[in-house]
N, C-alpha and C. Protein backbone atom coordinates (compact mmCIF):
# COMPACT_ATOMS: atom_id res chain seq x y z
N GLU A 1 -9.42 35.37 1.33
CA GLU A 1 -8.05 34.81 1.36
C GLU A 1 -7.46 34.74 0.00
N LEU A 2 -8.28 34.51 -1.07
CA LEU A 2 -7.80 34.32 -2.44
C LEU A 2 -7.27 35.71 -2.88
N ILE A 3 -7.98 36.82 -2.61
CA ILE A 3 -7.51 38.15 -3.00
C ILE A 3 -6.27 38.54 -2.29
N GLU A 4 -6.12 38.20 -0.97
CA GLU A 4 -4.98 38.49 -0.19
C GLU A 4 -3.74 37.69 -0.86
N LEU A 5 -4.00 36.41 -1.22
CA LEU A 5 -2.87 35.63 -1.79
C LEU A 5 -2.46 36.13 -3.08
N GLN A 6 -3.44 36.61 -3.96
CA GLN A 6 -3.10 37.16 -5.34
C GLN A 6 -2.33 38.55 -5.14
N CYS A 7 -2.65 39.28 -4.11
CA CYS A 7 -1.90 40.59 -3.99
C CYS A 7 -0.52 40.43 -3.33
N ASP A 8 -0.12 39.36 -2.77
CA ASP A 8 1.13 39.18 -2.06
C ASP A 8 2.20 38.84 -3.03
N ASP A 9 3.05 39.87 -3.31
CA ASP A 9 4.14 39.64 -4.27
C ASP A 9 5.12 38.57 -4.00
N GLY A 10 5.40 38.40 -2.65
CA GLY A 10 6.38 37.33 -2.21
C GLY A 10 5.79 36.01 -2.47
N LEU A 11 4.48 35.77 -2.25
CA LEU A 11 3.92 34.48 -2.54
C LEU A 11 3.78 34.16 -4.01
N ARG A 12 3.49 35.29 -4.74
CA ARG A 12 3.42 35.13 -6.20
C ARG A 12 4.75 34.65 -6.80
N GLY A 13 5.83 35.22 -6.23
CA GLY A 13 7.20 34.84 -6.68
C GLY A 13 7.54 33.37 -6.25
N LYS A 14 7.10 33.02 -5.04
CA LYS A 14 7.28 31.75 -4.48
C LYS A 14 6.50 30.67 -5.40
N PHE A 15 5.36 31.03 -5.89
CA PHE A 15 4.55 30.12 -6.60
C PHE A 15 5.22 29.90 -7.94
N ARG A 16 5.87 30.89 -8.48
CA ARG A 16 6.55 30.77 -9.81
C ARG A 16 7.84 29.88 -9.75
N ILE A 17 8.52 29.83 -8.67
CA ILE A 17 9.77 29.07 -8.58
C ILE A 17 9.64 27.71 -7.93
N THR A 18 8.42 27.36 -7.40
CA THR A 18 8.28 26.10 -6.80
C THR A 18 7.19 25.28 -7.54
N THR A 19 7.04 24.04 -7.29
CA THR A 19 6.02 23.18 -7.84
C THR A 19 4.70 23.54 -7.07
N PRO A 20 3.61 23.26 -7.67
CA PRO A 20 2.29 23.48 -6.91
C PRO A 20 2.25 22.74 -5.63
N LEU A 21 2.78 21.57 -5.55
CA LEU A 21 2.70 20.80 -4.31
C LEU A 21 3.63 21.44 -3.22
N GLN A 22 4.71 21.81 -3.57
CA GLN A 22 5.58 22.52 -2.61
C GLN A 22 4.98 23.85 -2.09
N PHE A 23 4.32 24.56 -3.01
CA PHE A 23 3.78 25.90 -2.69
C PHE A 23 2.61 25.73 -1.67
N TRP A 24 1.70 24.81 -2.07
CA TRP A 24 0.55 24.58 -1.17
C TRP A 24 0.98 23.95 0.13
N SER A 25 1.91 23.02 0.12
CA SER A 25 2.51 22.35 1.34
C SER A 25 3.06 23.39 2.31
N SER A 26 3.77 24.35 1.76
CA SER A 26 4.44 25.43 2.61
C SER A 26 3.31 26.29 3.13
N LEU A 27 2.27 26.59 2.40
CA LEU A 27 1.19 27.46 3.05
C LEU A 27 0.41 26.65 4.11
N ALA A 28 0.29 25.37 3.89
CA ALA A 28 -0.38 24.54 4.94
C ALA A 28 0.42 24.47 6.17
N ALA A 29 1.76 24.35 5.99
CA ALA A 29 2.73 24.28 7.23
C ALA A 29 2.72 25.60 7.93
N SER A 30 2.59 26.57 7.20
CA SER A 30 2.70 27.96 7.93
C SER A 30 1.37 28.41 8.60
N GLY A 31 0.29 27.74 8.12
CA GLY A 31 -1.03 28.05 8.78
C GLY A 31 -1.72 29.21 8.19
N THR A 32 -1.06 29.79 7.17
CA THR A 32 -1.81 31.08 6.49
C THR A 32 -2.78 30.46 5.44
N PHE A 33 -3.74 31.28 5.31
CA PHE A 33 -4.89 30.97 4.41
C PHE A 33 -5.48 29.55 4.63
N PRO A 34 -5.97 29.34 5.83
CA PRO A 34 -6.48 27.94 6.15
C PRO A 34 -7.59 27.50 5.28
N ALA A 35 -8.51 28.37 4.99
CA ALA A 35 -9.75 27.93 4.17
C ALA A 35 -9.34 27.72 2.73
N LEU A 36 -8.46 28.55 2.18
CA LEU A 36 -8.10 28.30 0.88
C LEU A 36 -7.23 26.98 0.71
N VAL A 37 -6.32 26.80 1.61
CA VAL A 37 -5.48 25.59 1.60
C VAL A 37 -6.36 24.26 1.80
N SER A 38 -7.35 24.47 2.63
CA SER A 38 -8.19 23.26 2.86
C SER A 38 -8.92 22.92 1.57
N GLY A 39 -9.41 23.96 0.91
CA GLY A 39 -10.21 23.76 -0.39
C GLY A 39 -9.23 23.17 -1.47
N VAL A 40 -7.99 23.71 -1.54
CA VAL A 40 -7.16 23.21 -2.59
C VAL A 40 -6.80 21.74 -2.28
N LEU A 41 -6.51 21.38 -1.04
CA LEU A 41 -6.17 20.05 -0.70
C LEU A 41 -7.34 19.11 -0.90
N HIS A 42 -8.50 19.50 -0.69
CA HIS A 42 -9.69 18.69 -0.95
C HIS A 42 -9.87 18.45 -2.47
N ILE A 43 -9.64 19.52 -3.33
CA ILE A 43 -9.82 19.35 -4.73
C ILE A 43 -8.71 18.45 -5.36
N THR A 44 -7.49 18.70 -4.88
CA THR A 44 -6.30 17.87 -5.48
C THR A 44 -6.46 16.43 -5.06
N SER A 45 -6.97 16.16 -3.86
CA SER A 45 -7.18 14.72 -3.47
C SER A 45 -8.18 14.05 -4.32
N LEU A 46 -9.15 14.72 -4.85
CA LEU A 46 -10.15 14.13 -5.69
C LEU A 46 -9.54 13.63 -6.93
N PHE A 47 -8.67 14.43 -7.57
CA PHE A 47 -8.08 14.09 -8.77
C PHE A 47 -7.08 12.81 -8.63
N GLY A 48 -6.40 12.91 -7.52
CA GLY A 48 -5.47 11.72 -7.31
C GLY A 48 -6.22 10.41 -7.13
N SER A 49 -7.32 10.44 -6.36
CA SER A 49 -8.09 9.15 -6.22
C SER A 49 -8.75 8.82 -7.44
N THR A 50 -9.31 9.72 -8.28
CA THR A 50 -9.84 9.48 -9.50
C THR A 50 -9.03 8.84 -10.43
N TYR A 51 -7.70 9.32 -10.53
CA TYR A 51 -6.73 8.74 -11.33
C TYR A 51 -6.42 7.19 -11.02
N ALA A 52 -6.28 7.03 -9.78
CA ALA A 52 -5.99 5.60 -9.27
C ALA A 52 -7.21 4.76 -9.70
N CYS A 53 -8.40 5.15 -9.44
CA CYS A 53 -9.52 4.34 -9.87
C CYS A 53 -9.63 4.07 -11.34
N GLU A 54 -9.43 5.09 -12.16
CA GLU A 54 -9.40 4.93 -13.58
C GLU A 54 -8.27 3.93 -14.05
N GLN A 55 -7.10 4.09 -13.48
CA GLN A 55 -6.04 3.18 -13.80
C GLN A 55 -6.35 1.76 -13.50
N LEU A 56 -7.00 1.50 -12.31
CA LEU A 56 -7.29 0.12 -11.91
C LEU A 56 -8.47 -0.39 -12.81
N PHE A 57 -9.40 0.38 -13.18
CA PHE A 57 -10.50 -0.15 -14.10
C PHE A 57 -9.93 -0.40 -15.43
N SER A 58 -8.95 0.29 -15.89
CA SER A 58 -8.29 0.10 -17.20
C SER A 58 -7.53 -1.25 -17.13
N LYS A 59 -6.83 -1.45 -16.04
CA LYS A 59 -6.14 -2.79 -15.90
C LYS A 59 -7.06 -3.86 -15.81
N MET A 60 -8.28 -3.73 -15.08
CA MET A 60 -9.21 -4.77 -15.00
C MET A 60 -9.89 -5.12 -16.39
N LYS A 61 -10.16 -4.03 -17.22
CA LYS A 61 -10.70 -4.27 -18.43
C LYS A 61 -9.70 -5.06 -19.33
N THR A 62 -8.40 -4.69 -19.22
CA THR A 62 -7.46 -5.38 -20.11
C THR A 62 -7.40 -6.86 -19.56
N THR A 63 -7.29 -7.03 -18.29
CA THR A 63 -7.13 -8.42 -17.79
C THR A 63 -8.40 -9.25 -18.00
N LYS A 64 -9.58 -8.75 -17.88
CA LYS A 64 -10.77 -9.48 -17.98
C LYS A 64 -11.38 -9.20 -19.33
N SER A 65 -10.67 -9.56 -20.45
CA SER A 65 -11.19 -9.36 -21.80
C SER A 65 -11.98 -10.66 -22.20
N LYS A 66 -12.50 -10.59 -23.46
CA LYS A 66 -13.24 -11.70 -23.89
C LYS A 66 -12.44 -12.93 -23.89
N THR A 67 -11.13 -12.91 -24.21
CA THR A 67 -10.37 -14.09 -24.35
C THR A 67 -10.02 -14.71 -22.91
N ARG A 68 -10.20 -13.83 -21.90
CA ARG A 68 -9.85 -14.33 -20.53
C ARG A 68 -11.04 -14.14 -19.55
N SER A 69 -12.23 -14.27 -20.13
CA SER A 69 -13.46 -14.05 -19.39
C SER A 69 -13.74 -15.11 -18.30
N GLU A 70 -13.04 -16.18 -18.29
CA GLU A 70 -13.25 -17.29 -17.39
C GLU A 70 -12.47 -17.06 -15.93
N LEU A 71 -11.95 -15.93 -15.81
CA LEU A 71 -11.22 -15.69 -14.50
C LEU A 71 -12.21 -15.61 -13.40
N SER A 72 -11.98 -16.23 -12.27
CA SER A 72 -12.81 -16.12 -11.06
C SER A 72 -12.62 -14.73 -10.47
N ASP A 73 -13.61 -14.34 -9.59
CA ASP A 73 -13.47 -13.06 -8.91
C ASP A 73 -12.21 -12.97 -8.13
N GLN A 74 -11.94 -14.10 -7.44
CA GLN A 74 -10.70 -14.17 -6.50
C GLN A 74 -9.48 -14.06 -7.35
N ARG A 75 -9.34 -14.77 -8.54
CA ARG A 75 -8.20 -14.66 -9.27
C ARG A 75 -8.05 -13.25 -10.03
N LEU A 76 -9.13 -12.66 -10.36
CA LEU A 76 -9.10 -11.31 -10.85
C LEU A 76 -8.61 -10.28 -9.75
N THR A 77 -9.10 -10.53 -8.58
CA THR A 77 -8.59 -9.63 -7.55
C THR A 77 -7.19 -9.81 -7.26
N ASP A 78 -6.62 -11.03 -7.28
CA ASP A 78 -5.15 -11.22 -7.11
C ASP A 78 -4.36 -10.72 -8.29
N VAL A 79 -4.83 -10.78 -9.43
CA VAL A 79 -4.19 -10.16 -10.64
C VAL A 79 -4.14 -8.73 -10.50
N LEU A 80 -5.27 -8.10 -10.13
CA LEU A 80 -5.28 -6.59 -10.08
C LEU A 80 -4.43 -6.12 -8.89
N LEU A 81 -4.36 -6.84 -7.79
CA LEU A 81 -3.56 -6.52 -6.67
C LEU A 81 -2.07 -6.48 -7.05
N LEU A 82 -1.67 -7.54 -7.76
CA LEU A 82 -0.28 -7.63 -8.21
C LEU A 82 0.04 -6.57 -9.25
N SER A 83 -0.90 -6.25 -10.15
CA SER A 83 -0.54 -5.29 -11.18
C SER A 83 -0.60 -3.83 -10.65
N SER A 84 -1.19 -3.63 -9.56
CA SER A 84 -1.29 -2.28 -9.03
C SER A 84 -0.38 -1.96 -7.91
N THR A 85 0.36 -2.86 -7.42
CA THR A 85 1.32 -2.68 -6.34
C THR A 85 2.58 -2.00 -6.84
N LYS A 86 3.26 -1.26 -6.03
CA LYS A 86 4.52 -0.61 -6.46
C LYS A 86 5.72 -1.41 -5.91
N ILE A 87 5.42 -2.47 -5.19
CA ILE A 87 6.44 -3.28 -4.57
C ILE A 87 7.09 -4.23 -5.65
N LYS A 88 8.35 -4.17 -5.70
CA LYS A 88 9.08 -4.94 -6.76
C LYS A 88 9.69 -6.24 -6.06
N PRO A 89 9.37 -7.38 -6.53
CA PRO A 89 9.86 -8.69 -5.88
C PRO A 89 11.31 -8.79 -6.21
N ASN A 90 11.98 -9.40 -5.28
CA ASN A 90 13.44 -9.73 -5.50
C ASN A 90 13.52 -11.11 -6.08
N LEU A 91 13.49 -11.26 -7.35
CA LEU A 91 13.38 -12.55 -8.04
C LEU A 91 14.53 -13.36 -7.71
N ASP A 92 15.76 -12.80 -7.70
CA ASP A 92 16.94 -13.70 -7.45
C ASP A 92 16.83 -14.35 -6.06
N ASP A 93 16.34 -13.67 -5.05
CA ASP A 93 16.28 -14.18 -3.73
C ASP A 93 15.13 -15.26 -3.75
N LEU A 94 13.99 -15.02 -4.38
CA LEU A 94 12.91 -16.00 -4.41
C LEU A 94 13.35 -17.17 -5.17
N CYS A 95 14.02 -17.10 -6.28
CA CYS A 95 14.52 -18.23 -7.04
C CYS A 95 15.55 -19.09 -6.30
N GLY A 96 16.37 -18.41 -5.54
CA GLY A 96 17.48 -19.09 -4.77
C GLY A 96 16.94 -19.92 -3.62
N ARG A 97 15.71 -19.72 -3.24
CA ARG A 97 15.15 -20.50 -2.07
C ARG A 97 14.63 -21.92 -2.45
N TYR A 98 14.51 -22.13 -3.74
CA TYR A 98 13.93 -23.36 -4.29
C TYR A 98 15.02 -24.18 -4.94
N GLN A 99 14.91 -25.50 -4.83
CA GLN A 99 15.79 -26.32 -5.51
C GLN A 99 15.40 -26.54 -6.94
N HIS A 100 16.23 -26.28 -7.86
CA HIS A 100 15.94 -26.40 -9.27
C HIS A 100 16.23 -27.81 -9.79
N GLN A 101 15.39 -28.28 -10.72
CA GLN A 101 15.67 -29.61 -11.24
C GLN A 101 16.66 -29.59 -12.25
N SER A 102 17.65 -30.38 -12.11
CA SER A 102 18.70 -30.53 -13.08
C SER A 102 18.34 -31.29 -14.30
N LEU A 103 18.95 -30.96 -15.41
CA LEU A 103 18.63 -31.64 -16.62
C LEU A 103 19.53 -32.94 -16.66
N HIS A 104 19.02 -33.90 -17.21
CA HIS A 104 19.74 -35.29 -17.23
C HIS A 104 20.38 -35.34 -18.54
C-alpha cells in the first residue's frame, strides 16, 4: 500500500496542498489503503495521548511544589481538573447570582 501511495501522483499532489490530518482523513473516508491508514491513525493517536499526559504531569508538578506540598489528593485532583479543562466559566453570570456585600 505504501508503494502504491507513493507512486500515485494525484495523492502526492493532494498531500502537498492539504494538512496531514485532512489528507489521512480523506483516505480513511474513501476506504483506500486501509492497512496504511489504520497504522497512521494508531501512531498519531499515541502522540496525542502522550502530549496530554505530559502536559498534565507538568501542571501537577507545578501545582504540587515544595511550597504547596500540603495539598490533599482530592484538592490536587480538583486543581488539575480545573487547569486541564477547556471550558471557560461565565464569570459575569456566576457573580450576578450572588448578593454582594455593600460597603458601609
